[in-house]
Amino acid sequence: MVKSAISPLQAGIKAACPRCGKGRLYKSVLKPADKCGACELDYSFIDSGDGPAVFVILILGFLILGLALIVETDFHPSLWMHALLWIPTVIIACLWALRFTKALMIALQYQSGAQQNVVIEKD
């Protein structure tokens, strides 16, 4: 287990380095940087897998579907109005939530010292 100066939740919310909490974790919207600009932590260990996407799909899917049903029952908008309202909402909400969820998973991975197990098969 690796001791960190910042909690995984704080690192996730700030999308910051899981060790120092000062450097940026991403070099673009969802692409991790090569290393921390503040403490030089090598980010080659990063492998959040599909976990963040699963959480975002399940949680946002539940919330946005509920909101869409409420809008439908209260206002009865046309189909094109639903598309105009919910497609941008889903895209923006997913990108926003995925950024922080992925950062949280990376911080938890760093703090627990989790690594991939590589199995080498011999012929």
Protein backbone atom coordinates (compact mmCIF):
# COMPACT_ATOMS: atom_id res chain seq x y z
CA MET A 1 0.00 0.00 0.00
CA VAL A 2 1.34 3.40 -1.04
CA LYS A 3 0.94 6.37 1.27
CA SER A 4 -0.37 9.47 -0.49
CA ALA A 5 -0.51 13.13 0.58
CA ILE A 6 -4.00 13.43 -0.87
CA SER A 7 -7.09 11.27 -0.48
CA PRO A 8 -8.31 9.37 -3.55
CA LEU A 9 -11.58 11.30 -3.45
CA GLN A 10 -9.77 14.65 -3.50
CA ALA A 11 -7.51 13.47 -6.31
CA GLY A 12 -10.56 12.31 -8.26
CA ILE A 13 -12.48 15.55 -7.82
CA LYS A 14 -9.46 17.67 -8.75
CA ALA A 15 -8.29 15.23 -11.48
CA ALA A 16 -4.86 15.63 -9.91
CA CYS A 17 -1.81 13.46 -9.36
CA PRO A 18 -2.67 10.64 -6.92
CA ARG A 19 0.65 11.09 -5.05
CA CYS A 20 1.09 14.85 -4.56
CA GLY A 21 -2.32 16.25 -5.56
CA LYS A 22 -0.70 19.18 -7.37
CA GLY A 23 0.12 17.97 -10.89
CA ARG A 24 -2.45 17.42 -13.62
CA LEU A 25 -3.55 13.85 -14.26
CA TYR A 26 -4.76 14.42 -17.82
CA LYS A 27 -3.15 15.98 -20.87
CA SER A 28 -6.51 16.08 -22.69
CA VAL A 29 -10.10 15.41 -21.66
CA LEU A 30 -9.64 11.71 -20.82
CA LYS A 31 -6.06 10.88 -21.87
CA PRO A 32 -3.66 10.61 -18.93
CA ALA A 33 -0.39 12.49 -19.05
CA ASP A 34 2.92 10.61 -19.15
CA LYS A 35 4.02 11.86 -15.72
CA CYS A 36 3.14 14.37 -13.04
CA GLY A 37 4.43 17.86 -13.68
CA ALA A 38 4.95 18.53 -9.96
CA CYS A 39 6.38 15.35 -8.41
CA GLU A 40 7.48 13.50 -11.58
CA LEU A 41 5.38 10.38 -10.76
CA ASP A 42 5.43 8.09 -13.79
CA TYR A 43 1.84 7.39 -14.88
CA SER A 44 2.71 4.20 -16.76
CA PHE A 45 0.94 2.15 -14.04
CA ILE A 46 -2.44 3.64 -14.99
CA ASP A 47 -5.01 1.10 -16.11
CA SER A 48 -8.50 2.01 -14.97
CA GLY A 49 -10.09 -0.45 -17.39
CA ASP A 50 -13.83 -0.38 -17.91
CA GLY A 51 -14.72 0.34 -14.28
CA PRO A 52 -15.31 4.09 -14.62
CA ALA A 53 -17.46 3.64 -17.74
CA VAL A 54 -19.64 1.04 -16.02
CA PHE A 55 -20.28 3.29 -13.03
CA VAL A 56 -21.03 6.30 -15.23
CA ILE A 57 -23.38 4.34 -17.51
CA LEU A 58 -25.35 2.84 -14.64
CA ILE A 59 -25.61 5.94 -12.47
CA LEU A 60 -26.20 8.54 -15.20
CA GLY A 61 -28.45 6.17 -17.14
CA PHE A 62 -30.69 5.82 -14.09
CA LEU A 63 -30.75 9.57 -13.39
CA ILE A 64 -31.24 10.78 -16.96
CA LEU A 65 -33.88 8.18 -17.75
CA GLY A 66 -35.76 9.27 -14.64
CA LEU A 67 -35.54 12.92 -15.69
CA ALA A 68 -36.66 12.07 -19.22
CA LEU A 69 -39.69 10.21 -17.85
CA ILE A 70 -40.59 13.14 -15.60
CA VAL A 71 -40.30 15.58 -18.52
CA GLU A 72 -42.43 13.28 -20.69
CA THR A 73 -45.21 12.88 -18.13
CA ASP A 74 -45.30 16.55 -17.11
CA PHE A 75 -44.79 18.34 -20.45
CA HIS A 76 -45.39 15.78 -23.26
CA PRO A 77 -42.72 17.21 -25.60
CA SER A 78 -42.31 15.90 -29.14
CA LEU A 79 -39.68 13.33 -30.02
CA TRP A 80 -37.36 15.89 -31.63
CA MET A 81 -37.52 18.00 -28.45
CA HIS A 82 -36.48 14.97 -26.39
CA ALA A 83 -33.55 14.42 -28.76
CA LEU A 84 -32.59 18.09 -28.62
CA LEU A 85 -32.72 18.04 -24.82
CA TRP A 86 -31.25 14.67 -23.88
CA ILE A 87 -28.51 13.96 -26.45
CA PRO A 88 -26.33 16.95 -25.44
CA THR A 89 -27.17 16.36 -21.78
CA VAL A 90 -26.01 12.74 -21.96
CA ILE A 91 -22.80 13.58 -23.83
CA ILE A 92 -21.78 16.42 -21.52
CA ALA A 93 -22.74 14.58 -18.33
CA CYS A 94 -20.89 11.41 -19.39
CA LEU A 95 -17.67 13.22 -20.29
CA TRP A 96 -17.77 15.23 -17.07
CA ALA A 97 -18.52 12.23 -14.85
CA LEU A 98 -16.11 9.91 -16.66
CA ARG A 99 -13.23 12.35 -16.14
CA PHE A 100 -13.67 12.37 -12.36
CA THR A 101 -14.62 8.71 -12.00
CA LYS A 102 -11.54 7.65 -13.97
CA ALA A 103 -9.34 9.92 -11.83
CA LEU A 104 -10.85 8.39 -8.67
CA MET A 105 -10.19 4.85 -9.92
CA ILE A 106 -6.59 5.77 -10.81
CA ALA A 107 -6.05 7.31 -7.34
CA LEU A 108 -7.49 4.21 -5.66
CA GLN A 109 -5.27 2.02 -7.85
CA TYR A 110 -2.21 4.05 -6.89
CA GLN A 111 -3.04 4.09 -3.17
CA SER A 112 -3.65 0.34 -2.98
CA GLY A 113 -0.58 -0.45 -5.09
CA ALA A 114 -2.66 -2.55 -7.49
CA GLN A 115 -0.85 -3.82 -10.55
CA GLN A 116 -1.63 -6.10 -13.46
CA ASN A 117 -0.62 -9.71 -13.13
CA VAL A 118 1.18 -10.85 -16.24
CA VAL A 119 1.15 -14.56 -16.95
CA ILE A 120 3.84 -15.84 -19.27
CA GLU A 121 3.07 -19.18 -20.84
CA LYS A 122 5.94 -21.47 -21.70
CA ASP A 123 5.66 -23.81 -24.65
